[in-house]
Amino acid sequence: MCVAAPMKVIEIEGDIIRAELGGMTKEANLAIVDERPELGDYVIIHAGFALHRIDPEEAKITLALWKEMGVIDEIPD
């Protein structure tokens, strides 16, 4: 099973972003994203692509559930 992760955008360079979750960073391509993110936005990343930008409150709800299940240690700011 594959899970797409909500990650916070920390760097943007052209069509590539770097996003962070729990101290881990990933690069993702923006080629298929529906709404181009800005620094600090949350995006859903899967298989090296940002799929879409999500509301920060929605991201925090998802991350709180992941924390409760023990998937992550802490909820990012």
C-alpha atoms as a PDB file:
ATOM      1  CA  MET A   1       0.000   0.000   0.000  1.00  0.00           C
ATOM      2  CA  CYS A   2       1.273   3.478  -0.854  1.00  0.00           C
ATOM      3  CA  VAL A   3       0.485   6.505   1.248  1.00  0.00           C
ATOM      4  CA  ALA A   4       0.796  10.063   0.010  1.00  0.00           C
ATOM      5  CA  ALA A   5       2.282  12.328   2.654  1.00  0.00           C
ATOM      6  CA  PRO A   6       1.273  15.897   3.523  1.00  0.00           C
ATOM      7  CA  MET A   7       4.550  17.818   3.604  1.00  0.00           C
ATOM      8  CA  LYS A   8       5.459  21.462   4.208  1.00  0.00           C
ATOM      9  CA  VAL A   9       7.182  23.297   1.333  1.00  0.00           C
ATOM     10  CA  ILE A  10      10.529  24.678   2.499  1.00  0.00           C
ATOM     11  CA  GLU A  11      12.210  25.490  -0.826  1.00  0.00           C
ATOM     12  CA  ILE A  12      11.115  26.160  -4.406  1.00  0.00           C
ATOM     13  CA  GLU A  13      13.439  26.191  -7.398  1.00  0.00           C
ATOM     14  CA  GLY A  14      11.689  26.294 -10.751  1.00  0.00           C
ATOM     15  CA  ASP A  15       9.399  23.273 -10.982  1.00  0.00           C
ATOM     16  CA  ILE A  16      11.067  21.429  -8.104  1.00  0.00           C
ATOM     17  CA  ILE A  17      10.198  21.830  -4.448  1.00  0.00           C
ATOM     18  CA  ARG A  18      11.817  20.533  -1.309  1.00  0.00           C
ATOM     19  CA  ALA A  19       9.307  19.657   1.398  1.00  0.00           C
ATOM     20  CA  GLU A  20       9.721  18.503   4.985  1.00  0.00           C
ATOM     21  CA  LEU A  21       7.943  16.185   7.376  1.00  0.00           C
ATOM     22  CA  GLY A  22       9.375  15.148  10.725  1.00  0.00           C
ATOM     23  CA  GLY A  23      12.930  16.161   9.853  1.00  0.00           C
ATOM     24  CA  MET A  24      12.875  14.213   6.584  1.00  0.00           C
ATOM     25  CA  THR A  25      13.021  16.170   3.332  1.00  0.00           C
ATOM     26  CA  LYS A  26      11.933  15.131  -0.142  1.00  0.00           C
ATOM     27  CA  GLU A  27      12.164  16.733  -3.547  1.00  0.00           C
ATOM     28  CA  ALA A  28       9.051  16.741  -5.685  1.00  0.00           C
ATOM     29  CA  ASN A  29       8.165  17.862  -9.178  1.00  0.00           C
ATOM     30  CA  LEU A  30       5.368  20.401  -9.687  1.00  0.00           C
ATOM     31  CA  ALA A  31       4.453  19.227 -13.207  1.00  0.00           C
ATOM     32  CA  ILE A  32       1.042  17.858 -12.210  1.00  0.00           C
ATOM     33  CA  VAL A  33       0.097  19.992  -9.199  1.00  0.00           C
ATOM     34  CA  ASP A  34      -3.305  21.668  -9.514  1.00  0.00           C
ATOM     35  CA  GLU A  35      -2.366  24.896  -7.696  1.00  0.00           C
ATOM     36  CA  ARG A  36       1.269  25.990  -7.466  1.00  0.00           C
ATOM     37  CA  PRO A  37       2.360  26.093  -3.803  1.00  0.00           C
ATOM     38  CA  GLU A  38       4.280  28.833  -2.040  1.00  0.00           C
ATOM     39  CA  LEU A  39       6.811  28.517   0.769  1.00  0.00           C
ATOM     40  CA  GLY A  40       5.123  27.260   3.925  1.00  0.00           C
ATOM     41  CA  ASP A  41       2.203  25.645   2.085  1.00  0.00           C
ATOM     42  CA  TYR A  42       1.381  21.979   2.555  1.00  0.00           C
ATOM     43  CA  VAL A  43       1.275  19.645  -0.422  1.00  0.00           C
ATOM     44  CA  ILE A  44       0.460  15.990  -0.883  1.00  0.00           C
ATOM     45  CA  ILE A  45       3.530  14.237  -2.280  1.00  0.00           C
ATOM     46  CA  HIS A  46       3.550  10.793  -3.843  1.00  0.00           C
ATOM     47  CA  ALA A  47       6.141   9.077  -6.042  1.00  0.00           C
ATOM     48  CA  GLY A  48       8.225  12.230  -6.495  1.00  0.00           C
ATOM     49  CA  PHE A  49       5.354  14.510  -7.528  1.00  0.00           C
ATOM     50  CA  ALA A  50       3.366  17.123  -5.669  1.00  0.00           C
ATOM     51  CA  LEU A  51      -0.219  16.059  -6.362  1.00  0.00           C
ATOM     52  CA  HIS A  52      -2.015  19.057  -4.898  1.00  0.00           C
ATOM     53  CA  ARG A  53      -1.800  21.840  -2.360  1.00  0.00           C
ATOM     54  CA  ILE A  54      -3.889  21.283   0.749  1.00  0.00           C
ATOM     55  CA  ASP A  55      -5.347  23.479   3.441  1.00  0.00           C
ATOM     56  CA  PRO A  56      -2.972  23.775   6.433  1.00  0.00           C
ATOM     57  CA  GLU A  57      -5.746  22.769   8.852  1.00  0.00           C
ATOM     58  CA  GLU A  58      -6.465  19.634   6.805  1.00  0.00           C
ATOM     59  CA  ALA A  59      -2.749  18.804   6.857  1.00  0.00           C
ATOM     60  CA  LYS A  60      -2.584  19.242  10.633  1.00  0.00           C
ATOM     61  CA  ILE A  61      -5.621  16.971  11.147  1.00  0.00           C
ATOM     62  CA  THR A  62      -3.990  14.266   9.011  1.00  0.00           C
ATOM     63  CA  LEU A  63      -0.657  14.671  10.800  1.00  0.00           C
ATOM     64  CA  ALA A  64      -2.369  14.504  14.214  1.00  0.00           C
ATOM     65  CA  LEU A  65      -3.926  11.176  13.207  1.00  0.00           C
ATOM     66  CA  TRP A  66      -0.543   9.912  12.004  1.00  0.00           C
ATOM     67  CA  LYS A  67       0.985  10.918  15.366  1.00  0.00           C
ATOM     68  CA  GLU A  68      -1.793   9.103  17.216  1.00  0.00           C
ATOM     69  CA  MET A  69      -1.068   5.965  15.154  1.00  0.00           C
ATOM     70  CA  GLY A  70       2.676   6.268  15.828  1.00  0.00           C
ATOM     71  CA  VAL A  71       3.633   6.995  12.200  1.00  0.00           C
ATOM     72  CA  ILE A  72       5.342  10.288  13.143  1.00  0.00           C
ATOM     73  CA  ASP A  73       6.770  11.498  16.455  1.00  0.00           C
ATOM     74  CA  GLU A  74       5.603  15.097  16.368  1.00  0.00           C
ATOM     75  CA  ILE A  75       3.370  17.430  14.411  1.00  0.00           C
ATOM     76  CA  PRO A  76       5.390  20.088  12.558  1.00  0.00           C
ATOM     77  CA  ASP A  77       4.698  23.800  13.103  1.00  0.00           C
END
